[in-house]
Amino acid sequence: MSVSSVSHVSAASPVSFQDALEKGYARASKTLRGIETVEVVGERANVEAGAVKEYVVDLKIVFTLEK
């Protein structure tokens, strides 16, 4: 039997939502082992002077707890 936990992470990128997702996952994987799923629970863009400045994703990361 395995037990899982959830971590919530927000990540940003000036390039795209996909890039923000990849950066968030890469950062989380440095400290969380056993990542099973990554769910994008929200997306938003920060706007400055009428243009998108950065893309932000909110992630739910599910990982297995070690024994």
PDB file of N, CA and C in Angstrom:
ATOM      1  N   MET A   1       0.843  -1.177   0.000  1.00  0.00           N
ATOM      2  CA  MET A   1       0.000   0.000   0.000  1.00  0.00           C
ATOM      3  C   MET A   1       0.886   1.238   0.000  1.00  0.00           C
ATOM      4  N   SER A   2       0.550   2.199  -0.825  1.00  0.00           N
ATOM      5  CA  SER A   2       1.303   3.447  -0.841  1.00  0.00           C
ATOM      6  C   SER A   2       0.426   4.595  -0.354  1.00  0.00           C
ATOM      7  N   VAL A   3       1.087   5.597   0.175  1.00  0.00           N
ATOM      8  CA  VAL A   3       0.408   6.797   0.650  1.00  0.00           C
ATOM      9  C   VAL A   3       0.962   7.973  -0.134  1.00  0.00           C
ATOM     10  N   SER A   4       0.072   8.810  -0.619  1.00  0.00           N
ATOM     11  CA  SER A   4       0.487   9.964  -1.416  1.00  0.00           C
ATOM     12  C   SER A   4       0.217  11.263  -0.672  1.00  0.00           C
ATOM     13  N   SER A   5       0.917  12.299  -1.104  1.00  0.00           N
ATOM     14  CA  SER A   5       0.725  13.638  -0.570  1.00  0.00           C
ATOM     15  C   SER A   5       0.614  14.602  -1.752  1.00  0.00           C
ATOM     16  N   VAL A   6       0.109  15.797  -1.477  1.00  0.00           N
ATOM     17  CA  VAL A   6      -0.072  16.801  -2.523  1.00  0.00           C
ATOM     18  C   VAL A   6       0.677  18.072  -2.134  1.00  0.00           C
ATOM     19  N   SER A   7       1.367  18.631  -3.109  1.00  0.00           N
ATOM     20  CA  SER A   7       2.041  19.910  -2.930  1.00  0.00           C
ATOM     21  C   SER A   7       1.491  20.874  -3.975  1.00  0.00           C
ATOM     22  N   HIS A   8       1.280  22.111  -3.585  1.00  0.00           N
ATOM     23  CA  HIS A   8       0.778  23.128  -4.516  1.00  0.00           C
ATOM     24  C   HIS A   8       1.931  24.070  -4.847  1.00  0.00           C
ATOM     25  N   VAL A   9       2.127  24.300  -6.149  1.00  0.00           N
ATOM     26  CA  VAL A   9       3.244  25.102  -6.630  1.00  0.00           C
ATOM     27  C   VAL A   9       2.729  26.097  -7.670  1.00  0.00           C
ATOM     28  N   SER A  10       3.243  27.307  -7.638  1.00  0.00           N
ATOM     29  CA  SER A  10       2.981  28.291  -8.698  1.00  0.00           C
ATOM     30  C   SER A  10       4.307  28.565  -9.391  1.00  0.00           C
ATOM     31  N   ALA A  11       4.257  28.658 -10.722  1.00  0.00           N
ATOM     32  CA  ALA A  11       5.467  28.916 -11.494  1.00  0.00           C
ATOM     33  C   ALA A  11       5.145  29.913 -12.599  1.00  0.00           C
ATOM     34  N   ALA A  12       6.141  30.698 -12.977  1.00  0.00           N
ATOM     35  CA  ALA A  12       5.937  31.734 -13.987  1.00  0.00           C
ATOM     36  C   ALA A  12       7.006  31.660 -15.068  1.00  0.00           C
ATOM     37  N   SER A  13       6.639  32.148 -16.247  1.00  0.00           N
ATOM     38  CA  SER A  13       7.558  32.212 -17.376  1.00  0.00           C
ATOM     39  C   SER A  13       7.185  33.390 -18.263  1.00  0.00           C
ATOM     40  N   PRO A  14       8.167  34.070 -18.819  1.00  0.00           N
ATOM     41  CA  PRO A  14       7.853  35.141 -19.785  1.00  0.00           C
ATOM     42  C   PRO A  14       7.550  34.590 -21.177  1.00  0.00           C
ATOM     43  N   VAL A  15       7.714  33.267 -21.374  1.00  0.00           N
ATOM     44  CA  VAL A  15       7.595  32.649 -22.698  1.00  0.00           C
ATOM     45  C   VAL A  15       6.205  32.090 -22.983  1.00  0.00           C
ATOM     46  N   SER A  16       5.716  31.179 -22.089  1.00  0.00           N
ATOM     47  CA  SER A  16       4.440  30.502 -22.348  1.00  0.00           C
ATOM     48  C   SER A  16       3.951  29.773 -21.105  1.00  0.00           C
ATOM     49  N   PHE A  17       2.678  29.327 -21.157  1.00  0.00           N
ATOM     50  CA  PHE A  17       2.141  28.503 -20.080  1.00  0.00           C
ATOM     51  C   PHE A  17       2.898  27.177 -20.016  1.00  0.00           C
ATOM     52  N   GLN A  18       3.210  26.588 -21.166  1.00  0.00           N
ATOM     53  CA  GLN A  18       3.943  25.320 -21.218  1.00  0.00           C
ATOM     54  C   GLN A  18       5.303  25.462 -20.544  1.00  0.00           C
ATOM     55  N   ASP A  19       5.999  26.555 -20.818  1.00  0.00           N
ATOM     56  CA  ASP A  19       7.302  26.789 -20.205  1.00  0.00           C
ATOM     57  C   ASP A  19       7.169  26.955 -18.694  1.00  0.00           C
ATOM     58  N   ALA A  20       6.129  27.637 -18.254  1.00  0.00           N
ATOM     59  CA  ALA A  20       5.894  27.795 -16.813  1.00  0.00           C
ATOM     60  C   ALA A  20       5.638  26.437 -16.165  1.00  0.00           C
ATOM     61  N   LEU A  21       4.853  25.584 -16.822  1.00  0.00           N
ATOM     62  CA  LEU A  21       4.593  24.231 -16.321  1.00  0.00           C
ATOM     63  C   LEU A  21       5.894  23.451 -16.192  1.00  0.00           C
ATOM     64  N   GLU A  22       6.714  23.477 -17.226  1.00  0.00           N
ATOM     65  CA  GLU A  22       7.971  22.736 -17.206  1.00  0.00           C
ATOM     66  C   GLU A  22       8.918  23.262 -16.133  1.00  0.00           C
ATOM     67  N   LYS A  23       8.961  24.571 -15.934  1.00  0.00           N
ATOM     68  CA  LYS A  23       9.805  25.144 -14.884  1.00  0.00           C
ATOM     69  C   LYS A  23       9.300  24.749 -13.500  1.00  0.00           C
ATOM     70  N   GLY A  24       7.982  24.772 -13.314  1.00  0.00           N
ATOM     71  CA  GLY A  24       7.413  24.369 -12.029  1.00  0.00           C
ATOM     72  C   GLY A  24       7.695  22.921 -11.709  1.00  0.00           C
ATOM     73  N   TYR A  25       7.529  22.049 -12.697  1.00  0.00           N
ATOM     74  CA  TYR A  25       7.812  20.625 -12.494  1.00  0.00           C
ATOM     75  C   TYR A  25       9.295  20.401 -12.212  1.00  0.00           C
ATOM     76  N   ALA A  26      10.160  21.059 -12.981  1.00  0.00           N
ATOM     77  CA  ALA A  26      11.604  20.892 -12.789  1.00  0.00           C
ATOM     78  C   ALA A  26      12.017  21.309 -11.384  1.00  0.00           C
ATOM     79  N   ARG A  27      11.462  22.418 -10.916  1.00  0.00           N
ATOM     80  CA  ARG A  27      11.819  22.879  -9.560  1.00  0.00           C
ATOM     81  C   ARG A  27      11.294  21.931  -8.494  1.00  0.00           C
ATOM     82  N   ALA A  28      10.049  21.476  -8.641  1.00  0.00           N
ATOM     83  CA  ALA A  28       9.469  20.560  -7.658  1.00  0.00           C
ATOM     84  C   ALA A  28      10.232  19.245  -7.614  1.00  0.00           C
ATOM     85  N   SER A  29      10.691  18.767  -8.758  1.00  0.00           N
ATOM     86  CA  SER A  29      11.379  17.473  -8.801  1.00  0.00           C
ATOM     87  C   SER A  29      12.758  17.525  -8.139  1.00  0.00           C
ATOM     88  N   LYS A  30      13.267  18.721  -7.844  1.00  0.00           N
ATOM     89  CA  LYS A  30      14.530  18.829  -7.121  1.00  0.00           C
ATOM     90  C   LYS A  30      14.381  18.432  -5.650  1.00  0.00           C
ATOM     91  N   THR A  31      13.187  18.615  -5.090  1.00  0.00           N
ATOM     92  CA  THR A  31      12.992  18.322  -3.666  1.00  0.00           C
ATOM     93  C   THR A  31      11.946  17.246  -3.385  1.00  0.00           C
ATOM     94  N   LEU A  32      11.090  16.961  -4.355  1.00  0.00           N
ATOM     95  CA  LEU A  32      10.061  15.936  -4.156  1.00  0.00           C
ATOM     96  C   LEU A  32      10.433  14.694  -4.953  1.00  0.00           C
ATOM     97  N   ARG A  33      10.448  13.543  -4.272  1.00  0.00           N
ATOM     98  CA  ARG A  33      10.711  12.282  -4.956  1.00  0.00           C
ATOM     99  C   ARG A  33       9.396  11.548  -5.151  1.00  0.00           C
ATOM    100  N   GLY A  34       9.329  10.710  -6.146  1.00  0.00           N
ATOM    101  CA  GLY A  34       8.142   9.886  -6.371  1.00  0.00           C
ATOM    102  C   GLY A  34       6.958  10.652  -6.930  1.00  0.00           C
ATOM    103  N   ILE A  35       7.207  11.678  -7.748  1.00  0.00           N
ATOM    104  CA  ILE A  35       6.101  12.440  -8.339  1.00  0.00           C
ATOM    105  C   ILE A  35       5.310  11.529  -9.270  1.00  0.00           C
ATOM    106  N   GLU A  36       3.999  11.470  -9.044  1.00  0.00           N
ATOM    107  CA  GLU A  36       3.109  10.614  -9.830  1.00  0.00           C
ATOM    108  C   GLU A  36       2.354  11.410 -10.884  1.00  0.00           C
ATOM    109  N   THR A  37       1.834  12.569 -10.503  1.00  0.00           N
ATOM    110  CA  THR A  37       1.050  13.379 -11.440  1.00  0.00           C
ATOM    111  C   THR A  37       1.278  14.862 -11.182  1.00  0.00           C
ATOM    112  N   VAL A  38       1.088  15.621 -12.245  1.00  0.00           N
ATOM    113  CA  VAL A  38       1.102  17.079 -12.158  1.00  0.00           C
ATOM    114  C   VAL A  38      -0.181  17.564 -12.825  1.00  0.00           C
ATOM    115  N   GLU A  39      -0.982  18.304 -12.074  1.00  0.00           N
ATOM    116  CA  GLU A  39      -2.247  18.825 -12.602  1.00  0.00           C
ATOM    117  C   GLU A  39      -2.191  20.346 -12.624  1.00  0.00           C
ATOM    118  N   VAL A  40      -2.511  20.923 -13.765  1.00  0.00           N
ATOM    119  CA  VAL A  40      -2.611  22.375 -13.858  1.00  0.00           C
ATOM    120  C   VAL A  40      -3.998  22.758 -13.350  1.00  0.00           C
ATOM    121  N   VAL A  41      -4.045  23.457 -12.226  1.00  0.00           N
ATOM    122  CA  VAL A  41      -5.333  23.831 -11.637  1.00  0.00           C
ATOM    123  C   VAL A  41      -5.714  25.272 -11.941  1.00  0.00           C
ATOM    124  N   GLY A  42      -4.765  26.031 -12.497  1.00  0.00           N
ATOM    125  CA  GLY A  42      -5.079  27.409 -12.864  1.00  0.00           C
ATOM    126  C   GLY A  42      -4.026  28.000 -13.773  1.00  0.00           C
ATOM    127  N   GLU A  43      -4.464  28.916 -14.602  1.00  0.00           N
ATOM    128  CA  GLU A  43      -3.571  29.657 -15.483  1.00  0.00           C
ATOM    129  C   GLU A  43      -3.980  31.119 -15.455  1.00  0.00           C
ATOM    130  N   ARG A  44      -2.987  32.000 -15.504  1.00  0.00           N
ATOM    131  CA  ARG A  44      -3.275  33.427 -15.596  1.00  0.00           C
ATOM    132  C   ARG A  44      -2.063  34.103 -16.228  1.00  0.00           C
ATOM    133  N   ALA A  45      -2.270  35.289 -16.715  1.00  0.00           N
ATOM    134  CA  ALA A  45      -1.182  36.052 -17.315  1.00  0.00           C
ATOM    135  C   ALA A  45      -1.117  37.424 -16.652  1.00  0.00           C
ATOM    136  N   ASN A  46       0.086  37.849 -16.356  1.00  0.00           N
ATOM    137  CA  ASN A  46       0.299  39.188 -15.827  1.00  0.00           C
ATOM    138  C   ASN A  46       0.540  40.123 -17.006  1.00  0.00           C
ATOM    139  N   VAL A  47      -0.192  41.238 -17.029  1.00  0.00           N
ATOM    140  CA  VAL A  47      -0.152  42.165 -18.143  1.00  0.00           C
ATOM    141  C   VAL A  47       0.471  43.482 -17.696  1.00  0.00           C
ATOM    142  N   GLU A  48       1.312  44.035 -18.560  1.00  0.00           N
ATOM    143  CA  GLU A  48       1.937  45.323 -18.277  1.00  0.00           C
ATOM    144  C   GLU A  48       1.957  46.133 -19.575  1.00  0.00           C
ATOM    145  N   ALA A  49       1.475  47.340 -19.523  1.00  0.00           N
ATOM    146  CA  ALA A  49       1.444  48.244 -20.683  1.00  0.00           C
ATOM    147  C   ALA A  49       0.746  47.605 -21.883  1.00  0.00           C
ATOM    148  N   GLY A  50      -0.332  46.877 -21.611  1.00  0.00           N
ATOM    149  CA  GLY A  50      -1.131  46.303 -22.682  1.00  0.00           C
ATOM    150  C   GLY A  50      -0.577  45.043 -23.317  1.00  0.00           C
ATOM    151  N   ALA A  51       0.476  44.479 -22.742  1.00  0.00           N
ATOM    152  CA  ALA A  51       1.066  43.250 -23.289  1.00  0.00           C
ATOM    153  C   ALA A  51       1.284  42.242 -22.171  1.00  0.00           C
ATOM    154  N   VAL A  52       1.243  40.967 -22.524  1.00  0.00           N
ATOM    155  CA  VAL A  52       1.485  39.908 -21.539  1.00  0.00           C
ATOM    156  C   VAL A  52       2.948  39.953 -21.120  1.00  0.00           C
ATOM    157  N   LYS A  53       3.158  40.089 -19.808  1.00  0.00           N
ATOM    158  CA  LYS A  53       4.518  40.146 -19.271  1.00  0.00           C
ATOM    159  C   LYS A  53       5.000  38.764 -18.858  1.00  0.00           C
ATOM    160  N   GLU A  54       4.102  37.974 -18.216  1.00  0.00           N
ATOM    161  CA  GLU A  54       4.482  36.614 -17.846  1.00  0.00           C
ATOM    162  C   GLU A  54       3.254  35.728 -17.715  1.00  0.00           C
ATOM    163  N   TYR A  55       3.480  34.459 -17.959  1.00  0.00           N
ATOM    164  CA  TYR A  55       2.446  33.434 -17.857  1.00  0.00           C
ATOM    165  C   TYR A  55       2.656  32.691 -16.544  1.00  0.00           C
ATOM    166  N   VAL A  56       1.568  32.463 -15.810  1.00  0.00           N
ATOM    167  CA  VAL A  56       1.658  31.832 -14.501  1.00  0.00           C
ATOM    168  C   VAL A  56       0.735  30.612 -14.468  1.00  0.00           C
ATOM    169  N   VAL A  57       1.248  29.497 -13.936  1.00  0.00           N
ATOM    170  CA  VAL A  57       0.424  28.305 -13.737  1.00  0.00           C
ATOM    171  C   VAL A  57       0.434  27.931 -12.268  1.00  0.00           C
ATOM    172  N   ASP A  58      -0.697  27.452 -11.798  1.00  0.00           N
ATOM    173  CA  ASP A  58      -0.813  26.883 -10.459  1.00  0.00           C
ATOM    174  C   ASP A  58      -0.900  25.378 -10.643  1.00  0.00           C
ATOM    175  N   LEU A  59      -0.016  24.653  -9.955  1.00  0.00           N
ATOM    176  CA  LEU A  59       0.093  23.211 -10.127  1.00  0.00           C
ATOM    177  C   LEU A  59      -0.243  22.468  -8.847  1.00  0.00           C
ATOM    178  N   LYS A  60      -0.865  21.309  -9.015  1.00  0.00           N
ATOM    179  CA  LYS A  60      -1.064  20.362  -7.913  1.00  0.00           C
ATOM    180  C   LYS A  60      -0.181  19.165  -8.236  1.00  0.00           C
ATOM    181  N   ILE A  61       0.796  18.910  -7.378  1.00  0.00           N
ATOM    182  CA  ILE A  61       1.757  17.844  -7.618  1.00  0.00           C
ATOM    183  C   ILE A  61       1.521  16.733  -6.599  1.00  0.00           C
ATOM    184  N   VAL A  62       1.223  15.538  -7.110  1.00  0.00           N
ATOM    185  CA  VAL A  62       0.962  14.381  -6.246  1.00  0.00           C
ATOM    186  C   VAL A  62       2.204  13.493  -6.266  1.00  0.00           C
ATOM    187  N   PHE A  63       2.670  13.133  -5.061  1.00  0.00           N
ATOM    188  CA  PHE A  63       3.870  12.293  -4.956  1.00  0.00           C
ATOM    189  C   PHE A  63       3.678  11.248  -3.859  1.00  0.00           C
ATOM    190  N   THR A  64       4.370  10.126  -4.008  1.00  0.00           N
ATOM    191  CA  THR A  64       4.284   9.027  -3.049  1.00  0.00           C
ATOM    192  C   THR A  64       5.222   9.297  -1.879  1.00  0.00           C
ATOM    193  N   LEU A  65       4.704   9.117  -0.671  1.00  0.00           N
ATOM    194  CA  LEU A  65       5.543   9.268   0.516  1.00  0.00           C
ATOM    195  C   LEU A  65       6.408   8.035   0.679  1.00  0.00           C
ATOM    196  N   GLU A  66       7.672   8.249   1.105  1.00  0.00           N
ATOM    197  CA  GLU A  66       8.577   7.131   1.318  1.00  0.00           C
ATOM    198  C   GLU A  66       8.205   6.392   2.583  1.00  0.00           C
ATOM    199  N   LYS A  67       8.563   5.125   2.620  1.00  0.00           N
ATOM    200  CA  LYS A  67       8.274   4.298   3.801  1.00  0.00           C
ATOM    201  C   LYS A  67       9.168   4.678   4.961  1.00  0.00           C
TER     202      LYS A  67
END
